[in-house]
């Protein structure tokens, strides 16, 4: 049985007949987003895609803000602990 080689999605032959759909597939596999709408997409479909991108972007920004807040809280707690230890040593 021949050995299977891993497929390189960046250079793979398009599986979709439409180049725009292929771009969407590549962005999906890469975890990214694309503004390319499939050929013949209606204005409603394009707006839906734009809304989805906006929602994903907002979710990512919210997640990042929460991570930064958590990190800040940890740093504050760590600083307070250090102050308490220093006071206790005196």
N, C-alpha and C. Protein backbone atom coordinates (compact mmCIF):
# COMPACT_ATOMS: atom_id res chain seq x y z
N UNK A 1 0.85 -1.18 0.00
CA UNK A 1 0.00 0.00 0.00
C UNK A 1 0.89 1.24 0.00
N UNK A 2 0.64 2.20 -0.91
CA UNK A 2 1.50 3.39 -0.98
C UNK A 2 1.30 4.28 0.25
N UNK A 3 2.39 4.96 0.61
CA UNK A 3 2.35 5.85 1.76
C UNK A 3 1.61 7.13 1.39
N UNK A 4 0.71 7.58 2.28
CA UNK A 4 -0.04 8.82 2.02
C UNK A 4 0.78 10.00 2.50
N UNK A 5 0.86 11.01 1.65
CA UNK A 5 1.57 12.22 2.00
C UNK A 5 0.56 13.23 2.57
N UNK A 6 0.97 14.02 3.56
CA UNK A 6 0.07 15.04 4.08
C UNK A 6 -0.26 16.06 3.01
N UNK A 7 -1.49 16.52 3.00
CA UNK A 7 -1.92 17.47 2.00
C UNK A 7 -1.61 18.89 2.46
N UNK A 8 -1.03 19.67 1.57
CA UNK A 8 -0.72 21.07 1.85
C UNK A 8 -1.90 21.90 1.37
N UNK A 9 -2.72 22.39 2.31
CA UNK A 9 -3.93 23.11 1.94
C UNK A 9 -3.64 24.44 1.27
N UNK A 10 -2.49 25.02 1.51
CA UNK A 10 -2.17 26.31 0.90
C UNK A 10 -1.91 26.17 -0.60
N UNK A 11 -1.40 25.01 -1.03
CA UNK A 11 -1.08 24.83 -2.45
C UNK A 11 -1.96 23.78 -3.10
N UNK A 12 -2.96 23.31 -2.39
CA UNK A 12 -3.83 22.26 -2.92
C UNK A 12 -4.65 22.79 -4.09
N UNK A 13 -4.98 21.88 -4.98
CA UNK A 13 -5.84 22.22 -6.10
C UNK A 13 -7.22 22.55 -5.58
N UNK A 14 -7.85 23.61 -6.08
CA UNK A 14 -9.18 23.97 -5.58
C UNK A 14 -10.16 22.81 -5.74
N UNK A 15 -10.91 22.55 -4.67
CA UNK A 15 -11.93 21.51 -4.74
C UNK A 15 -13.26 22.09 -5.15
N UNK A 16 -13.43 23.38 -4.97
CA UNK A 16 -14.66 24.05 -5.36
C UNK A 16 -14.50 24.56 -6.79
N UNK A 17 -15.58 24.53 -7.54
CA UNK A 17 -15.53 25.00 -8.92
C UNK A 17 -15.33 26.51 -8.98
N UNK A 18 -15.78 27.22 -7.98
CA UNK A 18 -15.72 28.67 -7.94
C UNK A 18 -14.50 29.13 -7.16
N UNK A 19 -13.63 29.97 -7.73
CA UNK A 19 -12.44 30.45 -7.01
C UNK A 19 -12.77 31.18 -5.71
N UNK A 20 -13.89 31.92 -5.69
CA UNK A 20 -14.28 32.63 -4.46
C UNK A 20 -14.62 31.63 -3.36
N UNK A 21 -15.30 30.57 -3.72
CA UNK A 21 -15.64 29.54 -2.72
C UNK A 21 -14.37 28.85 -2.24
N UNK A 22 -13.42 28.65 -3.14
CA UNK A 22 -12.13 28.06 -2.74
C UNK A 22 -11.44 28.96 -1.73
N UNK A 23 -11.47 30.28 -1.95
CA UNK A 23 -10.87 31.22 -1.00
C UNK A 23 -11.55 31.12 0.35
N UNK A 24 -12.88 30.98 0.35
CA UNK A 24 -13.61 30.82 1.60
C UNK A 24 -13.20 29.54 2.31
N UNK A 25 -13.03 28.45 1.57
CA UNK A 25 -12.63 27.18 2.15
C UNK A 25 -11.23 27.29 2.76
N UNK A 26 -10.31 27.93 2.05
CA UNK A 26 -8.95 28.08 2.57
C UNK A 26 -8.96 28.91 3.85
N UNK A 27 -9.71 29.99 3.87
CA UNK A 27 -9.77 30.83 5.06
C UNK A 27 -10.37 30.05 6.22
N UNK A 28 -11.39 29.24 5.94
CA UNK A 28 -12.01 28.44 6.99
C UNK A 28 -11.01 27.45 7.58
N UNK A 29 -10.25 26.76 6.71
CA UNK A 29 -9.27 25.78 7.19
C UNK A 29 -8.14 26.45 7.95
N UNK A 30 -7.82 27.68 7.59
CA UNK A 30 -6.74 28.40 8.25
C UNK A 30 -7.22 29.08 9.53
N UNK A 31 -8.53 29.02 9.81
CA UNK A 31 -9.07 29.65 11.01
C UNK A 31 -9.28 31.13 10.83
N UNK A 32 -9.17 31.61 9.60
CA UNK A 32 -9.34 33.04 9.35
C UNK A 32 -10.69 33.36 8.76
N UNK A 33 -10.85 34.60 8.41
CA UNK A 33 -12.10 35.04 7.80
C UNK A 33 -11.76 35.68 6.46
N UNK A 34 -12.72 35.68 5.58
CA UNK A 34 -12.53 36.31 4.29
C UNK A 34 -13.77 37.08 3.91
N UNK A 35 -13.59 38.14 3.15
CA UNK A 35 -14.71 38.95 2.72
C UNK A 35 -15.18 38.54 1.34
N UNK A 36 -14.62 37.49 0.77
CA UNK A 36 -14.99 37.04 -0.56
C UNK A 36 -16.32 36.32 -0.49
N UNK A 37 -17.30 36.84 -1.21
CA UNK A 37 -18.62 36.20 -1.26
C UNK A 37 -18.65 35.26 -2.47
N UNK A 38 -19.38 34.15 -2.36
CA UNK A 38 -19.48 33.24 -3.50
C UNK A 38 -20.06 33.97 -4.71
N UNK A 39 -19.64 33.53 -5.89
CA UNK A 39 -20.13 34.13 -7.12
C UNK A 39 -21.64 34.03 -7.17
N UNK A 40 -22.29 35.13 -7.48
CA UNK A 40 -23.74 35.13 -7.59
C UNK A 40 -24.47 35.28 -6.25
N UNK A 41 -23.75 35.60 -5.19
CA UNK A 41 -24.38 35.76 -3.88
C UNK A 41 -25.29 36.98 -3.91
N UNK A 42 -26.42 36.85 -3.27
CA UNK A 42 -27.34 37.97 -3.19
C UNK A 42 -26.84 38.98 -2.17
N UNK A 43 -27.42 40.17 -2.20
CA UNK A 43 -27.04 41.20 -1.23
C UNK A 43 -27.31 40.71 0.18
N UNK A 44 -28.39 39.97 0.36
CA UNK A 44 -28.74 39.44 1.67
C UNK A 44 -27.67 38.44 2.15
N UNK A 45 -27.21 37.59 1.25
CA UNK A 45 -26.17 36.62 1.61
C UNK A 45 -24.86 37.33 1.94
N UNK A 46 -24.54 38.37 1.18
CA UNK A 46 -23.33 39.13 1.45
C UNK A 46 -23.42 39.84 2.79
N UNK A 47 -24.59 40.41 3.09
CA UNK A 47 -24.78 41.09 4.38
C UNK A 47 -24.67 40.09 5.52
N UNK A 48 -25.23 38.89 5.33
CA UNK A 48 -25.15 37.85 6.36
C UNK A 48 -23.69 37.49 6.63
N UNK A 49 -22.90 37.34 5.56
CA UNK A 49 -21.48 37.02 5.72
C UNK A 49 -20.75 38.12 6.45
N UNK A 50 -21.09 39.37 6.14
CA UNK A 50 -20.47 40.51 6.81
C UNK A 50 -20.87 40.54 8.28
N UNK A 51 -22.16 40.25 8.56
CA UNK A 51 -22.62 40.20 9.95
C UNK A 51 -21.90 39.11 10.73
N UNK A 52 -21.69 37.97 10.09
CA UNK A 52 -21.00 36.86 10.75
C UNK A 52 -19.56 37.25 11.06
N UNK A 53 -18.90 37.92 10.13
CA UNK A 53 -17.53 38.37 10.35
C UNK A 53 -17.48 39.36 11.51
N UNK A 54 -18.43 40.28 11.53
CA UNK A 54 -18.48 41.26 12.62
C UNK A 54 -18.68 40.58 13.96
N UNK A 55 -19.56 39.59 13.98
CA UNK A 55 -19.84 38.87 15.22
C UNK A 55 -18.60 38.10 15.69
N UNK A 56 -17.91 37.45 14.78
CA UNK A 56 -16.70 36.72 15.14
C UNK A 56 -15.62 37.66 15.65
N UNK A 57 -15.49 38.81 14.99
CA UNK A 57 -14.51 39.79 15.43
C UNK A 57 -14.84 40.30 16.82
N UNK A 58 -16.13 40.60 17.07
CA UNK A 58 -16.54 41.08 18.39
C UNK A 58 -16.29 40.02 19.46
N UNK A 59 -16.58 38.76 19.14
CA UNK A 59 -16.35 37.66 20.09
C UNK A 59 -14.86 37.55 20.41
N UNK A 60 -14.02 37.67 19.40
CA UNK A 60 -12.57 37.59 19.63
C UNK A 60 -12.08 38.76 20.47
N UNK A 61 -12.62 39.95 20.20
CA UNK A 61 -12.22 41.11 20.99
C UNK A 61 -12.69 40.96 22.44
N UNK A 62 -13.90 40.46 22.65
CA UNK A 62 -14.41 40.24 24.01
C UNK A 62 -13.55 39.22 24.76
N UNK A 63 -13.18 38.14 24.06
CA UNK A 63 -12.35 37.11 24.67
C UNK A 63 -10.99 37.68 25.07
N UNK A 64 -10.40 38.47 24.19
CA UNK A 64 -9.10 39.08 24.48
C UNK A 64 -9.22 40.03 25.67
N UNK A 65 -10.28 40.82 25.71
CA UNK A 65 -10.48 41.75 26.83
C UNK A 65 -10.61 40.99 28.15
N UNK A 66 -11.33 39.87 28.13
CA UNK A 66 -11.49 39.07 29.34
C UNK A 66 -10.15 38.47 29.78
N UNK A 67 -9.36 38.00 28.81
CA UNK A 67 -8.04 37.45 29.13
C UNK A 67 -7.15 38.52 29.76
N UNK A 68 -7.18 39.73 29.20
CA UNK A 68 -6.37 40.82 29.74
C UNK A 68 -6.83 41.20 31.15
N UNK A 69 -8.14 41.20 31.37
CA UNK A 69 -8.67 41.50 32.70
C UNK A 69 -8.23 40.44 33.72
N UNK A 70 -8.29 39.18 33.31
CA UNK A 70 -7.88 38.09 34.19
C UNK A 70 -6.40 38.22 34.53
N UNK A 71 -5.58 38.50 33.53
CA UNK A 71 -4.15 38.68 33.76
C UNK A 71 -3.88 39.85 34.70
N UNK A 72 -4.60 40.93 34.50
CA UNK A 72 -4.44 42.09 35.38
C UNK A 72 -4.81 41.74 36.82
N UNK A 73 -5.89 41.00 37.00
CA UNK A 73 -6.31 40.59 38.35
C UNK A 73 -5.26 39.70 39.01
N UNK A 74 -4.65 38.82 38.24
CA UNK A 74 -3.61 37.95 38.77
C UNK A 74 -2.40 38.78 39.21
N UNK A 75 -2.01 39.75 38.37
CA UNK A 75 -0.87 40.60 38.71
C UNK A 75 -1.15 41.42 39.97
N UNK A 76 -2.38 41.94 40.11
CA UNK A 76 -2.74 42.71 41.31
C UNK A 76 -2.66 41.82 42.55
N UNK A 77 -3.19 40.61 42.44
CA UNK A 77 -3.17 39.68 43.57
C UNK A 77 -1.73 39.33 43.95
N UNK A 78 -0.91 39.10 42.94
CA UNK A 78 0.50 38.77 43.18
C UNK A 78 1.21 39.92 43.89
N UNK A 79 0.95 41.14 43.45
CA UNK A 79 1.56 42.31 44.08
C UNK A 79 1.10 42.45 45.53
N UNK A 80 -0.18 42.24 45.76
CA UNK A 80 -0.72 42.33 47.13
C UNK A 80 -0.08 41.27 48.02
N UNK A 81 0.09 40.08 47.49
CA UNK A 81 0.72 39.00 48.26
C UNK A 81 2.16 39.38 48.63
N UNK A 82 2.90 39.93 47.67
CA UNK A 82 4.26 40.35 47.94
C UNK A 82 4.31 41.42 49.03
N UNK A 83 3.38 42.37 48.97
CA UNK A 83 3.31 43.42 50.00
C UNK A 83 3.03 42.80 51.37
N UNK A 84 2.10 41.87 51.43
CA UNK A 84 1.76 41.22 52.70
C UNK A 84 2.96 40.45 53.28
N UNK A 85 3.68 39.77 52.41
CA UNK A 85 4.86 39.02 52.88
C UNK A 85 5.90 39.97 53.43
N UNK A 86 6.12 41.09 52.73
CA UNK A 86 7.11 42.07 53.18
C UNK A 86 6.70 42.65 54.54
N UNK A 87 5.42 42.97 54.71
CA UNK A 87 4.94 43.51 55.99
C UNK A 87 5.11 42.49 57.11
N UNK A 88 4.86 41.25 56.83
CA UNK A 88 4.97 40.20 57.84
C UNK A 88 6.42 39.94 58.26
N UNK A 89 7.35 40.24 57.39
CA UNK A 89 8.76 40.02 57.70
C UNK A 89 9.31 41.11 58.61
N UNK A 90 8.66 42.27 58.63
CA UNK A 90 9.15 43.41 59.43
C UNK A 90 8.81 43.28 60.88
